[in-house]
Amino acid sequence: ISLDFLPEGTYTAEIYSDAPDVAQEPNHLTK
């Protein structure tokens, strides 16, 4: 996913992703 739609400048991104063990524990995530 390209972020080229963003205006100029920098952003602080908080990213929530599927944890490695979600096949067994689907509520787990990484931030």
All heavy atoms as atom14 arrays in JSON, in Angstrom:
{
  "sequence": "ISLDFLPEGTYTAEIYSDAPDVAQEPNHLTK",
  "atom14_mask": [
    [1, 1, 1, 1, 1, 1, 1, 1, 0, 0, 0, 0, 0, 0],
    [1, 1, 1, 1, 1, 1, 0, 0, 0, 0, 0, 0, 0, 0],
    [1, 1, 1, 1, 1, 1, 1, 1, 0, 0, 0, 0, 0, 0],
    [1, 1, 1, 1, 1, 1, 1, 1, 0, 0, 0, 0, 0, 0],
    [1, 1, 1, 1, 1, 1, 1, 1, 1, 1, 1, 0, 0, 0],
    [1, 1, 1, 1, 1, 1, 1, 1, 0, 0, 0, 0, 0, 0],
    [1, 1, 1, 1, 1, 1, 1, 0, 0, 0, 0, 0, 0, 0],
    [1, 1, 1, 1, 1, 1, 1, 1, 1, 0, 0, 0, 0, 0],
    [1, 1, 1, 1, 0, 0, 0, 0, 0, 0, 0, 0, 0, 0],
    [1, 1, 1, 1, 1, 1, 1, 0, 0, 0, 0, 0, 0, 0],
    [1, 1, 1, 1, 1, 1, 1, 1, 1, 1, 1, 1, 0, 0],
    [1, 1, 1, 1, 1, 1, 1, 0, 0, 0, 0, 0, 0, 0],
    [1, 1, 1, 1, 1, 0, 0, 0, 0, 0, 0, 0, 0, 0],
    [1, 1, 1, 1, 1, 1, 1, 1, 1, 0, 0, 0, 0, 0],
    [1, 1, 1, 1, 1, 1, 1, 1, 0, 0, 0, 0, 0, 0],
    [1, 1, 1, 1, 1, 1, 1, 1, 1, 1, 1, 1, 0, 0],
    [1, 1, 1, 1, 1, 1, 0, 0, 0, 0, 0, 0, 0, 0],
    [1, 1, 1, 1, 1, 1, 1, 1, 0, 0, 0, 0, 0, 0],
    [1, 1, 1, 1, 1, 0, 0, 0, 0, 0, 0, 0, 0, 0],
    [1, 1, 1, 1, 1, 1, 1, 0, 0, 0, 0, 0, 0, 0],
    [1, 1, 1, 1, 1, 1, 1, 1, 0, 0, 0, 0, 0, 0],
    [1, 1, 1, 1, 1, 1, 1, 0, 0, 0, 0, 0, 0, 0],
    [1, 1, 1, 1, 1, 0, 0, 0, 0, 0, 0, 0, 0, 0],
    [1, 1, 1, 1, 1, 1, 1, 1, 1, 0, 0, 0, 0, 0],
    [1, 1, 1, 1, 1, 1, 1, 1, 1, 0, 0, 0, 0, 0],
    [1, 1, 1, 1, 1, 1, 1, 0, 0, 0, 0, 0, 0, 0],
    [1, 1, 1, 1, 1, 1, 1, 1, 0, 0, 0, 0, 0, 0],
    [1, 1, 1, 1, 1, 1, 1, 1, 1, 1, 0, 0, 0, 0],
    [1, 1, 1, 1, 1, 1, 1, 1, 0, 0, 0, 0, 0, 0],
    [1, 1, 1, 1, 1, 1, 1, 0, 0, 0, 0, 0, 0, 0],
    [1, 1, 1, 1, 1, 1, 1, 1, 1, 0, 0, 0, 0, 0]
  ],
  "atom14_positions": [
    [[0.85, -1.19, 0.0], [0.0, 0.0, 0.0], [0.89, 1.24, 0.0], [1.66, 1.46, 0.93], [-0.94, 0.03, 1.23], [-1.87, -1.17, 1.23], [-1.73, 1.33, 1.28], [-2.86, -1.19, 0.08], [0.0, 0.0, 0.0], [0.0, 0.0, 0.0], [0.0, 0.0, 0.0], [0.0, 0.0, 0.0], [0.0, 0.0, 0.0], [0.0, 0.0, 0.0]],
    [[0.76, 2.03, -1.05], [1.5, 3.28, -1.13], [0.77, 4.36, -0.35], [-0.46, 4.46, -0.4], [1.67, 3.72, -2.59], [2.22, 5.02, -2.65], [0.0, 0.0, 0.0], [0.0, 0.0, 0.0], [0.0, 0.0, 0.0], [0.0, 0.0, 0.0], [0.0, 0.0, 0.0], [0.0, 0.0, 0.0], [0.0, 0.0, 0.0], [0.0, 0.0, 0.0]],
    [[1.54, 5.19, 0.34], [0.97, 6.31, 1.09], [1.09, 7.62, 0.31], [1.05, 8.71, 0.9], [1.66, 6.44, 2.45], [1.56, 5.23, 3.39], [2.21, 5.54, 4.73], [0.11, 4.81, 3.59], [0.0, 0.0, 0.0], [0.0, 0.0, 0.0], [0.0, 0.0, 0.0], [0.0, 0.0, 0.0], [0.0, 0.0, 0.0], [0.0, 0.0, 0.0]],
    [[1.22, 7.55, -1.01], [1.43, 8.76, -1.8], [0.21, 9.66, -1.86], [0.28, 10.78, -2.39], [1.89, 8.41, -3.22], [0.89, 7.53, -3.97], [-0.17, 7.19, -3.4], [1.17, 7.17, -5.13], [0.0, 0.0, 0.0], [0.0, 0.0, 0.0], [0.0, 0.0, 0.0], [0.0, 0.0, 0.0], [0.0, 0.0, 0.0], [0.0, 0.0, 0.0]],
    [[-0.93, 9.22, -1.3], [-2.11, 10.08, -1.21], [-1.99, 11.11, -0.09], [-2.75, 12.09, -0.05], [-3.37, 9.23, -0.99], [-3.38, 8.51, 0.33], [-3.94, 9.08, 1.46], [-2.8, 7.25, 0.44], [-3.94, 8.42, 2.67], [-2.79, 6.58, 1.65], [-3.36, 7.16, 2.77], [0.0, 0.0, 0.0], [0.0, 0.0, 0.0], [0.0, 0.0, 0.0]],
    [[-1.05, 10.9, 0.83], [-0.91, 11.81, 1.96], [-0.35, 13.16, 1.5], [0.48, 13.21, 0.57], [0.03, 11.21, 3.01], [-0.44, 9.99, 3.77], [0.7, 9.45, 4.64], [-1.65, 10.31, 4.63], [0.0, 0.0, 0.0], [0.0, 0.0, 0.0], [0.0, 0.0, 0.0], [0.0, 0.0, 0.0], [0.0, 0.0, 0.0], [0.0, 0.0, 0.0]],
    [[-0.74, 14.24, 2.14], [-0.09, 15.53, 1.89], [1.37, 15.49, 2.36], [1.8, 14.57, 3.04], [-0.92, 16.52, 2.72], [-2.2, 15.83, 2.99], [-1.88, 14.37, 3.06], [0.0, 0.0, 0.0], [0.0, 0.0, 0.0], [0.0, 0.0, 0.0], [0.0, 0.0, 0.0], [0.0, 0.0, 0.0], [0.0, 0.0, 0.0], [0.0, 0.0, 0.0]],
    [[2.1, 16.52, 1.98], [3.49, 16.61, 2.42], [3.56, 16.67, 3.94], [2.66, 17.15, 4.61], [4.15, 17.86, 1.81], [4.32, 17.8, 0.29], [5.34, 16.76, -0.15], [6.16, 16.33, 0.71], [5.32, 16.37, -1.33], [0.0, 0.0, 0.0], [0.0, 0.0, 0.0], [0.0, 0.0, 0.0], [0.0, 0.0, 0.0], [0.0, 0.0, 0.0]],
    [[4.67, 16.21, 4.47], [4.87, 16.23, 5.91], [5.01, 14.82, 6.46], [4.92, 13.83, 5.74], [0.0, 0.0, 0.0], [0.0, 0.0, 0.0], [0.0, 0.0, 0.0], [0.0, 0.0, 0.0], [0.0, 0.0, 0.0], [0.0, 0.0, 0.0], [0.0, 0.0, 0.0], [0.0, 0.0, 0.0], [0.0, 0.0, 0.0], [0.0, 0.0, 0.0]],
    [[5.2, 14.73, 7.76], [5.33, 13.44, 8.42], [4.15, 13.19, 9.34], [3.51, 14.12, 9.84], [6.64, 13.36, 9.21], [6.67, 14.42, 10.17], [7.84, 13.46, 8.29], [0.0, 0.0, 0.0], [0.0, 0.0, 0.0], [0.0, 0.0, 0.0], [0.0, 0.0, 0.0], [0.0, 0.0, 0.0], [0.0, 0.0, 0.0], [0.0, 0.0, 0.0]],
    [[3.89, 11.92, 9.56], [2.75, 11.49, 10.36], [3.21, 10.48, 11.4], [4.07, 9.62, 11.12], [1.67, 10.85, 9.48], [0.97, 11.8, 8.55], [1.58, 12.24, 7.38], [-0.3, 12.28, 8.85], [0.94, 13.12, 6.53], [-0.95, 13.17, 8.01], [-0.33, 13.58, 6.85], [-0.97, 14.46, 6.02], [0.0, 0.0, 0.0], [0.0, 0.0, 0.0]],
    [[2.61, 10.56, 12.57], [2.78, 9.51, 13.57], [1.68, 8.49, 13.36], [0.48, 8.81, 13.45], [2.69, 10.09, 15.0], [3.74, 11.04, 15.18], [2.83, 8.98, 16.02], [0.0, 0.0, 0.0], [0.0, 0.0, 0.0], [0.0, 0.0, 0.0], [0.0, 0.0, 0.0], [0.0, 0.0, 0.0], [0.0, 0.0, 0.0], [0.0, 0.0, 0.0]],
    [[2.07, 7.27, 13.05], [1.11, 6.21, 12.72], [1.03, 5.21, 13.86], [2.06, 4.69, 14.31], [1.51, 5.51, 11.43], [0.0, 0.0, 0.0], [0.0, 0.0, 0.0], [0.0, 0.0, 0.0], [0.0, 0.0, 0.0], [0.0, 0.0, 0.0], [0.0, 0.0, 0.0], [0.0, 0.0, 0.0], [0.0, 0.0, 0.0], [0.0, 0.0, 0.0]],
    [[-0.19, 4.95, 14.32], [-0.46, 3.86, 15.25], [-1.07, 2.73, 14.44], [-2.15, 2.89, 13.85], [-1.42, 4.31, 16.36], [-0.83, 5.38, 17.26], [-1.86, 5.91, 18.25], [-3.06, 5.65, 18.06], [-1.45, 6.58, 19.21], [0.0, 0.0, 0.0], [0.0, 0.0, 0.0], [0.0, 0.0, 0.0], [0.0, 0.0, 0.0], [0.0, 0.0, 0.0]],
    [[-0.4, 1.59, 14.39], [-0.77, 0.51, 13.48], [-1.17, -0.72, 14.28], [-0.39, -1.21, 15.12], [0.39, 0.18, 12.53], [0.84, 1.44, 11.77], [-0.01, -0.92, 11.56], [2.09, 1.24, 10.94], [0.0, 0.0, 0.0], [0.0, 0.0, 0.0], [0.0, 0.0, 0.0], [0.0, 0.0, 0.0], [0.0, 0.0, 0.0], [0.0, 0.0, 0.0]],
    [[-2.38, -1.21, 14.03], [-2.91, -2.41, 14.69], [-2.91, -3.54, 13.65], [-3.59, -3.45, 12.62], [-4.32, -2.18, 15.19], [-4.44, -1.06, 16.2], [-4.52, 0.28, 15.79], [-4.49, -1.32, 17.58], [-4.65, 1.31, 16.71], [-4.61, -0.3, 18.5], [-4.69, 1.02, 18.06], [-4.81, 2.04, 18.97], [0.0, 0.0, 0.0], [0.0, 0.0, 0.0]],
    [[-2.17, -4.61, 13.94], [-2.01, -5.7, 12.99], [-2.34, -7.03, 13.63], [-2.26, -7.19, 14.86], [-0.56, -5.75, 12.47], [-0.16, -4.52, 11.91], [0.0, 0.0, 0.0], [0.0, 0.0, 0.0], [0.0, 0.0, 0.0], [0.0, 0.0, 0.0], [0.0, 0.0, 0.0], [0.0, 0.0, 0.0], [0.0, 0.0, 0.0], [0.0, 0.0, 0.0]],
    [[-2.72, -8.0, 12.79], [-2.95, -9.36, 13.28], [-1.68, -9.91, 13.91], [-0.59, -9.83, 13.32], [-3.37, -10.27, 12.12], [-4.71, -9.89, 11.53], [-5.61, -9.53, 12.3], [-4.85, -9.94, 10.28], [0.0, 0.0, 0.0], [0.0, 0.0, 0.0], [0.0, 0.0, 0.0], [0.0, 0.0, 0.0], [0.0, 0.0, 0.0], [0.0, 0.0, 0.0]],
    [[-1.8, -10.46, 15.11], [-0.66, -11.08, 15.79], [-0.29, -12.39, 15.1], [-1.11, -13.0, 14.39], [-0.99, -11.32, 17.26], [0.0, 0.0, 0.0], [0.0, 0.0, 0.0], [0.0, 0.0, 0.0], [0.0, 0.0, 0.0], [0.0, 0.0, 0.0], [0.0, 0.0, 0.0], [0.0, 0.0, 0.0], [0.0, 0.0, 0.0], [0.0, 0.0, 0.0]],
    [[0.93, -12.86, 15.28], [1.35, -14.12, 14.62], [0.5, -15.33, 14.99], [0.41, -16.28, 14.2], [2.8, -14.3, 15.11], [3.26, -12.91, 15.44], [2.06, -12.21, 15.99], [0.0, 0.0, 0.0], [0.0, 0.0, 0.0], [0.0, 0.0, 0.0], [0.0, 0.0, 0.0], [0.0, 0.0, 0.0], [0.0, 0.0, 0.0], [0.0, 0.0, 0.0]],
    [[-0.13, -15.31, 16.17], [-0.87, -16.5, 16.62], [-2.38, -16.37, 16.46], [-3.14, -17.07, 17.14], [-0.54, -16.8, 18.09], [-0.98, -15.68, 19.03], [-1.3, -14.57, 18.54], [-1.01, -15.91, 20.26], [0.0, 0.0, 0.0], [0.0, 0.0, 0.0], [0.0, 0.0, 0.0], [0.0, 0.0, 0.0], [0.0, 0.0, 0.0], [0.0, 0.0, 0.0]],
    [[-2.85, -15.5, 15.55], [-4.3, -15.26, 15.47], [-5.07, -16.48, 14.98], [-6.28, -16.56, 15.19], [-4.64, -14.05, 14.57], [-4.26, -12.75, 15.24], [-4.0, -14.18, 13.2], [0.0, 0.0, 0.0], [0.0, 0.0, 0.0], [0.0, 0.0, 0.0], [0.0, 0.0, 0.0], [0.0, 0.0, 0.0], [0.0, 0.0, 0.0], [0.0, 0.0, 0.0]],
    [[-4.43, -17.42, 14.35], [-5.15, -18.63, 13.94], [-5.69, -19.37, 15.17], [-6.76, -19.99, 15.11], [-4.24, -19.55, 13.14], [0.0, 0.0, 0.0], [0.0, 0.0, 0.0], [0.0, 0.0, 0.0], [0.0, 0.0, 0.0], [0.0, 0.0, 0.0], [0.0, 0.0, 0.0], [0.0, 0.0, 0.0], [0.0, 0.0, 0.0], [0.0, 0.0, 0.0]],
    [[-4.96, -19.27, 16.28], [-5.42, -19.89, 17.53], [-6.08, -18.88, 18.46], [-7.02, -19.22, 19.19], [-4.24, -20.54, 18.27], [-3.58, -21.71, 17.55], [-2.67, -21.27, 16.41], [-1.98, -20.25, 16.54], [-2.68, -22.0, 15.31], [0.0, 0.0, 0.0], [0.0, 0.0, 0.0], [0.0, 0.0, 0.0], [0.0, 0.0, 0.0], [0.0, 0.0, 0.0]],
    [[-5.57, -17.64, 18.46], [-6.07, -16.59, 19.35], [-6.42, -15.35, 18.53], [-5.64, -14.4, 18.45], [-5.01, -16.26, 20.41], [-4.61, -17.42, 21.29], [-5.73, -17.83, 22.24], [-6.69, -17.04, 22.41], [-5.65, -18.93, 22.82], [0.0, 0.0, 0.0], [0.0, 0.0, 0.0], [0.0, 0.0, 0.0], [0.0, 0.0, 0.0], [0.0, 0.0, 0.0]],
    [[-7.58, -15.35, 17.87], [-7.89, -14.27, 16.93], [-8.08, -12.89, 17.56], [-8.15, -11.89, 16.84], [-9.18, -14.75, 16.25], [-9.76, -15.76, 17.16], [-8.61, -16.4, 17.86], [0.0, 0.0, 0.0], [0.0, 0.0, 0.0], [0.0, 0.0, 0.0], [0.0, 0.0, 0.0], [0.0, 0.0, 0.0], [0.0, 0.0, 0.0], [0.0, 0.0, 0.0]],
    [[-8.17, -12.81, 18.9], [-8.26, -11.49, 19.54], [-6.89, -10.86, 19.75], [-6.81, -9.69, 20.16], [-8.98, -11.61, 20.89], [-10.43, -12.01, 20.73], [-11.19, -11.33, 20.07], [-10.79, -13.15, 21.31], [0.0, 0.0, 0.0], [0.0, 0.0, 0.0], [0.0, 0.0, 0.0], [0.0, 0.0, 0.0], [0.0, 0.0, 0.0], [0.0, 0.0, 0.0]],
    [[-5.82, -11.59, 19.5], [-4.49, -11.05, 19.7], [-4.13, -10.11, 18.54], [-4.49, -10.34, 17.38], [-3.46, -12.17, 19.78], [-3.52, -12.93, 21.06], [-2.62, -13.92, 21.39], [-4.38, -12.85, 22.12], [-2.91, -14.42, 22.59], [-3.98, -13.79, 23.04], [0.0, 0.0, 0.0], [0.0, 0.0, 0.0], [0.0, 0.0, 0.0], [0.0, 0.0, 0.0]],
    [[-3.41, -9.06, 18.89], [-2.94, -8.11, 17.88], [-1.62, -7.53, 18.32], [-1.22, -7.65, 19.48], [-3.98, -7.01, 17.64], [-4.43, -6.13, 18.81], [-3.44, -5.0, 19.11], [-5.81, -5.53, 18.51], [0.0, 0.0, 0.0], [0.0, 0.0, 0.0], [0.0, 0.0, 0.0], [0.0, 0.0, 0.0], [0.0, 0.0, 0.0], [0.0, 0.0, 0.0]],
    [[-0.95, -6.91, 17.39], [0.25, -6.14, 17.71], [-0.03, -4.68, 17.42], [-0.75, -4.35, 16.48], [1.46, -6.6, 16.89], [1.21, -6.38, 15.5], [1.74, -8.08, 17.12], [0.0, 0.0, 0.0], [0.0, 0.0, 0.0], [0.0, 0.0, 0.0], [0.0, 0.0, 0.0], [0.0, 0.0, 0.0], [0.0, 0.0, 0.0], [0.0, 0.0, 0.0]],
    [[0.53, -3.81, 18.23], [0.39, -2.37, 18.03], [1.78, -1.76, 17.97], [2.61, -2.0, 18.85], [-0.42, -1.74, 19.16], [-0.63, -0.24, 19.01], [-1.41, 0.33, 20.19], [-1.57, 1.84, 20.06], [-2.3, 2.42, 21.23], [0.0, 0.0, 0.0], [0.0, 0.0, 0.0], [0.0, 0.0, 0.0], [0.0, 0.0, 0.0], [0.0, 0.0, 0.0]]
  ]
}
